[in-house]
């Protein structure tokens, strides 16, 4: 979730991996929720590229307009103009008061664009791709208020592939840019793209992988290495060192490639939707069909886990092949925008912990907030509707030594036949509010249910 002055961050516990649970008994699994189409958006004449929460509950919206000025045979010969628009929305559907806030000189701009906000400096960063004979040039623009923009005098920052996402990691206190990169690889099925003569091996072809870069200010990036020639048309490509790349591993299919990653910060962790790719013998020498999307998770934004390999993360795929913007949290929903489409899911439901049979776990220790606790839960789990009569969640409260606190026994708080984001956690007439300021843990007992989050009620 993008950070910005005035944005309110609610207390919550999320569940996406083993770091979120302790003292496990039974068999737990971690899963994800696919993003689903919800409707259409009135984008006020532009394509949405970013959004940030405002103190009054509205969201600041940025969109762009692209217009071809002069066609060309090569991408770097085409001249395109683009405008950056700024408006607001309260429902995530209708954008109001949209006005042009920036219009640089026409150039070989592509439609690739990403935005993030650096709270420590009260500064926006916008990355835009421009093509030249060396490939896709990552070009930076900065603004203190979203209205006045200036181009970075030392552009381009670096060169890499034609897909990117950008966010601020409060853990690292750095911007993170995830870009598609290319790695020489001996492919069994050859798709589009020629060999790499500069490396002296005509059997190597480009494999799509991910590059994770970070920067404290958006100007100096690590690693600083560039992909010298994205299209490999001039024989000048230099291989990026493998240690800088995120690549498929031994548990993946041998022909898997990472086409792009749409990464963003959400509460206390990062999520990323990765578009997977595999060449096809039905399209030899051509761009093959993309494979599916996958949810990844990270505690810092640079090092990633994959709790749901092979589970498609985008229900509208392949009609909508991927998502390219970070989400907005409006009206209890997580909203993504792609063209005029609005896609999403209920708030806090990207990932969950579940159990098919009886299982138990405790949360990490936390200081009880001065508020009632709400459970985001599906009992039975959506994938197990037939288990409605056996599904349950019981919740107890334990102290730092794992002992149940009197009055907060699990049999006093039983949740069944619920699929909601705000089930009150009550032990008879008692609320966890009475434990405010004490260090506690929740102890969950569950079967055929998914637990997405625990949140605090809003006063």
Protein backbone atom coordinates (compact mmCIF):
# COMPACT_ATOMS: atom_id res chain seq x y z
CA UNK A 1 0.00 0.00 0.00
CA UNK A 2 1.60 3.31 -1.00
CA UNK A 3 2.76 5.49 1.86
CA UNK A 4 1.91 9.17 2.00
CA UNK A 5 1.54 11.87 4.69
CA UNK A 6 -1.96 11.73 6.15
CA UNK A 7 -2.61 8.12 5.19
CA UNK A 8 -3.95 6.11 8.13
CA UNK A 9 -2.40 2.68 8.69
CA UNK A 10 -4.64 0.37 10.73
CA UNK A 11 -3.27 -2.17 13.16
CA UNK A 12 -3.40 -5.63 11.64
CA UNK A 13 -1.84 -9.06 11.41
CA UNK A 14 -1.44 -10.64 7.97
CA UNK A 15 -0.66 -14.25 7.09
CA UNK A 16 1.51 -15.13 4.11
CA UNK A 17 4.25 -17.42 5.39
CA UNK A 18 5.89 -19.32 8.23
CA UNK A 19 7.16 -16.14 9.87
CA UNK A 20 3.56 -15.24 10.73
CA UNK A 21 2.83 -18.39 12.77
CA UNK A 22 4.40 -20.19 15.72
CA UNK A 23 3.90 -23.32 17.83
CA UNK A 24 2.19 -25.13 14.97
CA UNK A 25 0.37 -28.42 15.41
CA UNK A 26 -1.14 -30.22 12.44
CA UNK A 27 -0.75 -29.36 8.78
CA UNK A 28 -1.08 -25.72 7.75
CA UNK A 29 -0.89 -24.37 4.23
CA UNK A 30 -0.51 -20.84 2.89
CA UNK A 31 -2.57 -19.75 -0.09
CA UNK A 32 -3.52 -16.73 -2.17
CA UNK A 33 -6.65 -15.19 -3.62
CA UNK A 34 -6.93 -14.54 -7.38
CA UNK A 35 -7.67 -10.99 -8.52
CA UNK A 36 -11.12 -10.83 -10.12
CA UNK A 37 -12.78 -8.31 -12.48
CA UNK A 38 -15.12 -5.92 -10.66
CA UNK A 39 -16.26 -3.40 -13.29
CA UNK A 40 -15.11 -0.38 -15.28
CA UNK A 41 -13.41 2.87 -14.32
CA UNK A 42 -13.96 6.40 -15.62
CA UNK A 43 -10.32 7.38 -16.01
CA UNK A 44 -10.96 10.97 -17.13
CA UNK A 45 -9.28 10.67 -20.51
CA UNK A 46 -6.11 8.83 -19.49
CA UNK A 47 -4.63 5.50 -18.47
CA UNK A 48 -4.13 5.23 -14.72
CA UNK A 49 -0.50 4.86 -13.66
CA UNK A 50 -0.64 5.50 -9.88
CA UNK A 51 -2.64 6.50 -6.85
CA UNK A 52 -1.90 7.65 -3.30
CA UNK A 53 -4.16 8.05 -0.23
CA UNK A 54 -5.02 11.57 0.94
CA UNK A 55 -5.70 12.69 4.55
CA UNK A 56 -9.43 13.20 3.88
CA UNK A 57 -10.01 9.61 2.74
CA UNK A 58 -9.91 10.35 -0.99
CA UNK A 59 -7.17 9.07 -3.28
CA UNK A 60 -4.90 11.15 -5.47
CA UNK A 61 -4.91 9.69 -9.00
CA UNK A 62 -2.28 9.99 -11.72
CA UNK A 63 -3.00 9.04 -15.34
CA UNK A 64 -1.17 9.49 -18.63
CA UNK A 65 -2.15 10.31 -22.21
CA UNK A 66 0.00 8.98 -25.07
CA UNK A 67 -0.14 10.34 -28.63
CA UNK A 68 2.04 9.26 -31.55
CA UNK A 69 3.57 12.30 -33.25
CA UNK A 70 5.72 10.57 -35.86
CA UNK A 71 5.83 6.86 -36.78
CA UNK A 72 9.11 5.08 -37.39
CA UNK A 73 10.49 1.76 -38.54
CA UNK A 74 12.49 1.32 -35.33
CA UNK A 75 11.15 1.96 -31.81
CA UNK A 76 13.77 4.66 -31.20
CA UNK A 77 12.67 6.47 -34.38
CA UNK A 78 9.05 6.85 -33.27
CA UNK A 79 8.20 10.16 -31.66
CA UNK A 80 5.45 10.20 -29.03
CA UNK A 81 4.07 12.89 -26.77
CA UNK A 82 2.71 12.16 -23.33
CA UNK A 83 0.93 14.08 -20.61
CA UNK A 84 0.71 13.36 -16.91
CA UNK A 85 -2.74 14.03 -15.46
CA UNK A 86 -3.72 14.41 -11.81
CA UNK A 87 -7.17 14.02 -10.22
CA UNK A 88 -8.95 12.47 -7.21
CA UNK A 89 -11.36 9.64 -6.50
CA UNK A 90 -13.40 8.49 -3.53
CA UNK A 91 -14.77 5.25 -4.92
CA UNK A 92 -11.96 4.03 -7.16
CA UNK A 93 -14.26 4.18 -10.16
CA UNK A 94 -14.88 7.82 -11.03
CA UNK A 95 -11.90 10.18 -11.26
CA UNK A 96 -12.70 13.86 -10.75
CA UNK A 97 -10.99 17.21 -11.30
CA UNK A 98 -8.38 15.76 -13.66
CA UNK A 99 -5.85 18.30 -14.94
CA UNK A 100 -2.55 18.17 -16.83
CA UNK A 101 0.39 18.65 -14.47
CA UNK A 102 3.33 17.73 -16.71
CA UNK A 103 4.07 17.48 -20.44
CA UNK A 104 7.71 16.91 -21.43
CA UNK A 105 9.02 17.30 -24.94
CA UNK A 106 7.94 14.62 -27.46
CA UNK A 107 10.47 11.83 -27.77
CA UNK A 108 10.66 8.06 -28.27
CA UNK A 109 8.56 7.49 -25.13
CA UNK A 110 6.88 4.14 -24.54
CA UNK A 111 3.71 3.72 -22.47
CA UNK A 112 5.63 2.08 -19.58
CA UNK A 113 5.31 4.18 -16.43
CA UNK A 114 5.59 3.59 -12.66
CA UNK A 115 5.28 5.82 -9.59
CA UNK A 116 6.17 5.76 -5.89
CA UNK A 117 6.38 8.20 -2.97
CA UNK A 118 9.30 8.72 -0.60
CA UNK A 119 7.80 9.89 2.70
CA UNK A 120 11.10 10.91 4.33
CA UNK A 121 11.72 13.52 1.62
CA UNK A 122 8.06 14.20 0.77
CA UNK A 123 8.92 13.45 -2.85
CA UNK A 124 7.32 11.56 -5.72
CA UNK A 125 9.38 9.50 -8.16
CA UNK A 126 8.07 8.69 -11.64
CA UNK A 127 9.93 6.28 -13.92
CA UNK A 128 9.24 6.39 -17.64
CA UNK A 129 10.81 4.39 -20.47
CA UNK A 130 12.34 6.02 -23.51
CA UNK A 131 13.91 4.05 -26.36
CA UNK A 132 17.23 4.71 -28.06
CA UNK A 133 19.78 2.58 -29.90
CA UNK A 134 20.91 0.99 -26.64
CA UNK A 135 17.44 -0.20 -25.62
CA UNK A 136 14.94 0.90 -23.00
CA UNK A 137 16.27 3.88 -21.05
CA UNK A 138 14.85 4.22 -17.52
CA UNK A 139 14.13 7.93 -17.14
CA UNK A 140 13.35 9.59 -13.78
CA UNK A 141 11.18 12.58 -12.88
CA UNK A 142 10.68 14.05 -9.39
CA UNK A 143 8.00 16.18 -7.72
CA UNK A 144 7.50 17.60 -4.22
CA UNK A 145 3.72 17.87 -4.54
CA UNK A 146 2.52 15.86 -7.56
CA UNK A 147 1.91 19.08 -9.48
CA UNK A 148 5.37 20.43 -10.29
CA UNK A 149 7.73 17.98 -11.98
CA UNK A 150 11.36 18.10 -13.06
CA UNK A 151 13.45 15.66 -15.06
CA UNK A 152 16.51 14.14 -13.41
CA UNK A 153 19.57 15.82 -15.01
CA UNK A 154 21.56 12.57 -15.09
CA UNK A 155 18.99 10.52 -17.05
CA UNK A 156 18.92 7.75 -18.03
CA UNK A 157 19.36 5.90 -14.76
CA UNK A 158 20.09 2.55 -16.46
CA UNK A 159 18.88 0.28 -19.26
CA UNK A 160 16.79 -2.85 -18.83
CA UNK A 161 13.73 -4.68 -20.20
CA UNK A 162 10.34 -3.27 -21.13
CA UNK A 163 8.36 -4.04 -17.95
CA UNK A 164 8.74 -2.52 -14.48
CA UNK A 165 7.13 -1.71 -11.15
CA UNK A 166 8.20 0.65 -8.40
CA UNK A 167 7.47 1.11 -4.69
CA UNK A 168 8.92 2.46 -1.45
CA UNK A 169 10.04 -0.12 1.14
CA UNK A 170 9.75 1.29 4.68
CA UNK A 171 11.84 -1.65 5.94
CA UNK A 172 14.79 -0.85 3.67
CA UNK A 173 13.97 2.88 3.53
CA UNK A 174 14.67 2.64 -0.17
CA UNK A 175 12.84 2.63 -3.49
CA UNK A 176 12.62 -0.80 -5.08
CA UNK A 177 12.35 -1.18 -8.85
CA UNK A 178 11.49 -4.60 -10.26
CA UNK A 179 12.24 -4.77 -13.97
CA UNK A 180 12.20 -7.43 -16.60
CA UNK A 181 15.73 -8.32 -17.59
CA UNK A 182 17.27 -10.79 -20.01
CA UNK A 183 19.74 -13.61 -19.40
CA UNK A 184 21.55 -15.68 -22.04
CA UNK A 185 20.17 -19.20 -21.72
CA UNK A 186 20.27 -22.40 -23.74
CA UNK A 187 16.58 -22.90 -24.60
CA UNK A 188 15.13 -26.20 -25.72
CA UNK A 189 12.33 -24.41 -27.61
CA UNK A 190 13.56 -21.32 -29.46
CA UNK A 191 11.20 -18.36 -29.55
CA UNK A 192 11.66 -14.85 -30.90
CA UNK A 193 14.98 -13.07 -30.46
CA UNK A 194 18.22 -13.96 -32.11
CA UNK A 195 21.40 -15.52 -30.72
CA UNK A 196 23.93 -13.63 -28.65
CA UNK A 197 27.03 -13.39 -30.87
CA UNK A 198 28.82 -11.13 -28.40
CA UNK A 199 29.01 -14.09 -26.01
CA UNK A 200 30.40 -16.42 -28.69
CA UNK A 201 27.64 -19.04 -28.52
CA UNK A 202 24.94 -19.01 -31.21
CA UNK A 203 22.84 -21.53 -29.29
CA UNK A 204 22.07 -19.08 -26.47
CA UNK A 205 18.83 -17.12 -26.49
CA UNK A 206 17.35 -14.54 -24.16
CA UNK A 207 15.55 -15.83 -21.08
CA UNK A 208 13.25 -13.38 -19.31
CA UNK A 209 14.16 -12.96 -15.64
CA UNK A 210 13.69 -10.29 -12.97
CA UNK A 211 16.10 -7.61 -11.79
CA UNK A 212 15.64 -6.14 -8.28
CA UNK A 213 17.22 -2.72 -7.86
CA UNK A 214 16.98 -0.37 -4.90
CA UNK A 215 17.83 3.27 -4.25
CA UNK A 216 17.75 5.57 -1.20
CA UNK A 217 16.66 8.57 -3.27
CA UNK A 218 15.68 7.39 -6.79
CA UNK A 219 18.88 8.80 -8.26
CA UNK A 220 21.62 6.31 -7.27
CA UNK A 221 20.64 2.69 -7.89
CA UNK A 222 22.13 -0.61 -6.76
CA UNK A 223 23.11 -2.61 -8.65
CA UNK A 224 23.97 0.01 -11.26
CA UNK A 225 24.57 -2.56 -14.02
CA UNK A 226 22.69 -1.98 -17.29
CA UNK A 227 21.42 -4.27 -20.01
CA UNK A 228 23.40 -2.85 -22.91
CA UNK A 229 21.16 -3.76 -25.83
CA UNK A 230 17.65 -4.94 -25.05
CA UNK A 231 16.78 -6.01 -28.60
CA UNK A 232 20.13 -7.66 -29.28
CA UNK A 233 20.22 -6.04 -32.74
CA UNK A 234 23.71 -4.64 -32.69
CA UNK A 235 25.68 -7.51 -31.12
CA UNK A 236 26.69 -5.38 -28.12
CA UNK A 237 24.75 -7.13 -25.39
CA UNK A 238 26.59 -7.72 -22.15
CA UNK A 239 25.32 -10.43 -19.83
CA UNK A 240 24.17 -9.16 -16.44
CA UNK A 241 25.96 -11.06 -13.64
CA UNK A 242 23.76 -13.92 -12.44
CA UNK A 243 23.98 -12.85 -8.78
CA UNK A 244 22.01 -9.70 -9.62
CA UNK A 245 19.09 -11.59 -11.17
CA UNK A 246 16.07 -13.44 -9.79
CA UNK A 247 15.70 -16.56 -11.92
CA UNK A 248 13.65 -19.79 -11.90
CA UNK A 249 14.98 -22.52 -9.63
CA UNK A 250 15.16 -26.32 -9.66
CA UNK A 251 11.55 -26.65 -8.48
CA UNK A 252 10.28 -24.77 -11.55
CA UNK A 253 9.57 -26.23 -14.99
CA UNK A 254 12.81 -26.15 -17.02
CA UNK A 255 11.37 -23.71 -19.57
CA UNK A 256 9.81 -21.24 -17.12
CA UNK A 257 10.63 -17.54 -17.51
CA UNK A 258 9.64 -14.51 -15.40
CA UNK A 259 8.11 -12.03 -17.84
CA UNK A 260 7.34 -9.19 -15.42
CA UNK A 261 6.62 -8.43 -11.77
CA UNK A 262 4.05 -5.96 -10.43
CA UNK A 263 5.31 -5.33 -6.89
CA UNK A 264 3.93 -3.08 -4.14
CA UNK A 265 4.09 -2.53 -0.39
CA UNK A 266 1.06 -3.61 1.64
CA UNK A 267 0.99 -2.83 5.39
CA UNK A 268 4.14 -4.58 6.70
CA UNK A 269 5.27 -6.58 3.66
CA UNK A 270 5.49 -6.57 -0.11
CA UNK A 271 3.44 -8.57 -2.56
CA UNK A 272 4.21 -9.08 -6.23
CA UNK A 273 2.20 -10.56 -9.08
CA UNK A 274 4.65 -12.23 -11.46
CA UNK A 275 3.70 -12.97 -15.05
CA UNK A 276 5.20 -16.31 -16.10
CA UNK A 277 6.15 -17.28 -19.64
CA UNK A 278 7.14 -20.43 -21.53
CA UNK A 279 7.96 -20.74 -25.22
CA UNK A 280 5.79 -23.06 -27.33
CA UNK A 281 6.66 -25.47 -30.18
CA UNK A 282 3.44 -24.25 -31.82
CA UNK A 283 5.06 -20.82 -32.23
CA UNK A 284 8.70 -21.57 -33.01
CA UNK A 285 10.73 -18.46 -33.67
CA UNK A 286 7.89 -16.29 -32.37
CA UNK A 287 6.66 -14.85 -29.11
CA UNK A 288 4.88 -17.75 -27.44
CA UNK A 289 1.84 -17.52 -25.16
CA UNK A 290 2.30 -16.33 -21.61
CA UNK A 291 1.78 -19.05 -19.03
CA UNK A 292 -0.02 -17.63 -15.96
CA UNK A 293 0.44 -15.24 -13.03
CA UNK A 294 1.73 -16.03 -9.54
CA UNK A 295 1.65 -14.23 -6.17
CA UNK A 296 5.01 -13.73 -4.42
CA UNK A 297 5.64 -12.25 -0.95
CA UNK A 298 8.57 -10.43 0.67
CA UNK A 299 9.45 -8.97 4.08
CA UNK A 300 11.68 -6.25 2.64
CA UNK A 301 10.87 -5.96 -1.09
CA UNK A 302 14.13 -7.47 -2.37
CA UNK A 303 14.07 -11.08 -1.21
CA UNK A 304 11.00 -13.02 -2.28
CA UNK A 305 9.10 -16.15 -1.30
CA UNK A 306 6.67 -18.10 -3.46
CA UNK A 307 3.96 -19.63 -1.25
CA UNK A 308 1.66 -20.51 -4.15
CA UNK A 309 3.67 -21.85 -7.08
CA UNK A 310 1.51 -22.73 -10.05
CA UNK A 311 -1.65 -21.14 -8.60
CA UNK A 312 -2.93 -18.57 -11.10
CA UNK A 313 -3.23 -15.17 -9.42
CA UNK A 314 -5.29 -13.34 -12.06
CA UNK A 315 -8.74 -14.68 -12.81
CA UNK A 316 -9.10 -12.56 -15.99
CA UNK A 317 -5.97 -14.06 -17.57
CA UNK A 318 -5.26 -14.24 -20.54
CA UNK A 319 -7.76 -11.56 -21.64
CA UNK A 320 -5.95 -9.32 -19.17
CA UNK A 321 -2.40 -10.74 -19.20
CA UNK A 322 -0.98 -8.83 -16.22
CA UNK A 323 -1.44 -5.96 -13.79
CA UNK A 324 0.89 -2.95 -13.95
CA UNK A 325 -0.13 -0.58 -11.12
CA UNK A 326 -0.11 -0.79 -7.35
CA UNK A 327 -3.50 -1.19 -5.62
CA UNK A 328 -5.81 1.31 -3.98
CA UNK A 329 -7.60 0.41 -0.73
CA UNK A 330 -11.07 1.91 -0.93
CA UNK A 331 -14.39 0.87 0.60
CA UNK A 332 -13.05 -2.35 2.09
CA UNK A 333 -11.63 -3.56 -1.21
CA UNK A 334 -8.20 -3.85 -2.83
CA UNK A 335 -8.55 -2.28 -6.29
CA UNK A 336 -6.26 -2.66 -9.32
CA UNK A 337 -6.72 -0.75 -12.59
CA UNK A 338 -5.91 -2.03 -16.06
CA UNK A 339 -7.11 0.20 -18.89
CA UNK A 340 -10.78 0.86 -18.10
CA UNK A 341 -11.12 -2.29 -16.03
CA UNK A 342 -11.24 -2.35 -12.23
CA UNK A 343 -10.13 -5.62 -10.65
CA UNK A 344 -9.64 -6.66 -7.07
CA UNK A 345 -10.73 -8.53 -3.97
CA UNK A 346 -11.83 -7.85 -0.37
CA UNK A 347 -9.34 -5.96 1.77
CA UNK A 348 -6.45 -7.98 3.30
CA UNK A 349 -7.30 -11.13 1.36
CA UNK A 350 -4.28 -11.46 -0.93
CA UNK A 351 -2.84 -14.27 1.22
CA UNK A 352 -4.09 -16.57 3.97
CA UNK A 353 -3.23 -19.48 6.24
CA UNK A 354 -5.55 -22.47 6.11
CA UNK A 355 -5.93 -26.07 7.15
CA UNK A 356 -7.72 -28.99 5.54
CA UNK A 357 -7.89 -31.05 8.75
CA UNK A 358 -7.59 -29.96 12.38
CA UNK A 359 -4.62 -27.68 13.03
CA UNK A 360 -3.39 -25.10 15.54
CA UNK A 361 -1.00 -22.16 15.59
CA UNK A 362 -0.20 -18.99 17.51
CA UNK A 363 0.47 -15.54 16.13
CA UNK A 364 3.60 -13.55 16.72
CA UNK A 365 3.57 -11.68 20.08
CA UNK A 366 2.02 -8.22 19.92
CA UNK A 367 0.88 -5.45 22.22
CA UNK A 368 -2.89 -5.60 22.42
CA UNK A 369 -4.37 -2.42 20.89
CA UNK A 370 -6.98 -0.30 22.63
CA UNK A 371 -9.65 -1.59 20.29
CA UNK A 372 -11.78 -4.64 19.60
CA UNK A 373 -10.23 -7.25 17.33
CA UNK A 374 -11.86 -8.30 14.06
CA UNK A 375 -11.23 -11.55 12.18
CA UNK A 376 -11.01 -11.71 8.38
CA UNK A 377 -12.04 -15.33 7.78
CA UNK A 378 -13.80 -17.78 5.48
CA UNK A 379 -15.26 -20.78 7.26
CA UNK A 380 -15.63 -22.97 5.30
CA UNK A 381 -12.78 -22.10 2.94
CA UNK A 382 -14.05 -21.04 -0.55
CA UNK A 383 -12.35 -24.06 -2.11
CA UNK A 384 -14.12 -26.41 0.37
CA UNK A 385 -17.82 -25.43 0.30
CA UNK A 386 -18.81 -29.05 0.91
CA UNK A 387 -17.11 -28.85 4.33
CA UNK A 388 -19.47 -26.26 5.81
CA UNK A 389 -20.72 -28.58 8.56
CA UNK A 390 -17.18 -29.53 9.69
CA UNK A 391 -15.43 -26.18 9.29
CA UNK A 392 -14.60 -24.07 12.32
CA UNK A 393 -12.20 -21.52 13.78
CA UNK A 394 -11.64 -21.20 17.54
CA UNK A 395 -9.56 -18.39 19.01
CA UNK A 396 -7.88 -18.18 22.40
CA UNK A 397 -5.50 -15.65 23.93
CA UNK A 398 -2.20 -16.70 25.52
CA UNK A 399 0.45 -14.81 27.43
CA UNK A 400 4.17 -14.63 26.74
CA UNK A 401 4.69 -18.09 28.20
CA UNK A 402 1.97 -19.66 26.07
CA UNK A 403 -0.49 -19.99 28.93
CA UNK A 404 -4.16 -19.32 28.20
CA UNK A 405 -5.37 -16.10 29.83
CA UNK A 406 -8.41 -16.74 32.03
CA UNK A 407 -11.63 -15.69 30.31
CA UNK A 408 -10.07 -16.00 26.84
CA UNK A 409 -10.31 -19.76 26.36
CA UNK A 410 -10.74 -20.89 22.71
CA UNK A 411 -14.02 -22.69 23.34
CA UNK A 412 -15.53 -19.32 24.31
CA UNK A 413 -14.77 -17.85 20.84
CA UNK A 414 -15.98 -20.11 18.02
CA UNK A 415 -16.46 -18.87 14.44
CA UNK A 416 -18.52 -20.95 11.98
CA UNK A 417 -20.44 -20.29 8.75
CA UNK A 418 -18.79 -16.90 8.22
CA UNK A 419 -17.14 -15.36 5.15
CA UNK A 420 -16.44 -11.79 6.26
CA UNK A 421 -13.61 -9.34 6.81
CA UNK A 422 -14.92 -8.09 10.18
CA UNK A 423 -16.07 -10.92 12.44
CA UNK A 424 -15.81 -9.58 16.03
CA UNK A 425 -13.60 -11.65 18.32
CA UNK A 426 -15.60 -12.00 21.54
CA UNK A 427 -15.18 -14.33 24.50
CA UNK A 428 -18.71 -14.20 25.81
CA UNK A 429 -19.14 -10.53 26.64
CA UNK A 430 -15.38 -9.98 26.88
CA UNK A 431 -13.23 -8.26 24.22
CA UNK A 432 -9.45 -8.24 23.78
CA UNK A 433 -9.73 -4.48 24.36
CA UNK A 434 -9.56 -5.36 28.07
CA UNK A 435 -5.99 -6.57 27.52
CA UNK A 436 -4.82 -3.29 25.93
CA UNK A 437 -1.12 -2.65 26.47
CA UNK A 438 -0.27 -6.24 27.42
CA UNK A 439 1.92 -8.48 25.26
CA UNK A 440 -0.23 -11.37 24.03
CA UNK A 441 -0.60 -13.87 21.23
CA UNK A 442 -3.72 -15.27 19.62
CA UNK A 443 -4.00 -19.05 19.52
CA UNK A 444 -5.99 -20.36 16.54
CA UNK A 445 -7.63 -23.75 16.13
CA UNK A 446 -9.09 -24.39 12.66
CA UNK A 447 -10.34 -26.90 10.13
CA UNK A 448 -11.44 -26.42 6.49
CA UNK A 449 -11.12 -22.65 6.98
CA UNK A 450 -8.96 -19.77 5.75
CA UNK A 451 -7.67 -17.02 8.05
CA UNK A 452 -6.66 -13.88 6.14
CA UNK A 453 -6.03 -11.21 8.78
CA UNK A 454 -6.76 -9.85 12.23
CA UNK A 455 -7.50 -6.13 12.39
CA UNK A 456 -8.46 -3.58 15.03
CA UNK A 457 -11.82 -1.85 14.99
CA UNK A 458 -11.89 1.80 13.96
CA UNK A 459 -13.13 4.12 16.77
